[in-house]
Amino acid sequence: MLNEALDVARTISDEPDRANALTALALHIAEEERSDVLDEALGIVRTISYGWQRANALKALARS
């Protein structure tokens, strides 16, 4: 079920929402996969153009 949720999260077109969804899901997946998902989320965060949205997504990443 989590793999399906990750697939759905990856289809979210809004970058901040996609990064936040991946970050939230990463907390619930196996540790060996977690770093890949968090790296993916960080890559998305780097593409966010609005500073406050980027900052909020980075805060979420920092908590995970």
Foldseek 3Di string as FASTA:
>chain_A
DLVVQLVVLVPDPDLLSSLLSLLVSLVVDDPVCSVVSLVVSLVSLVVDDDPVSSVVSVVSSVVD
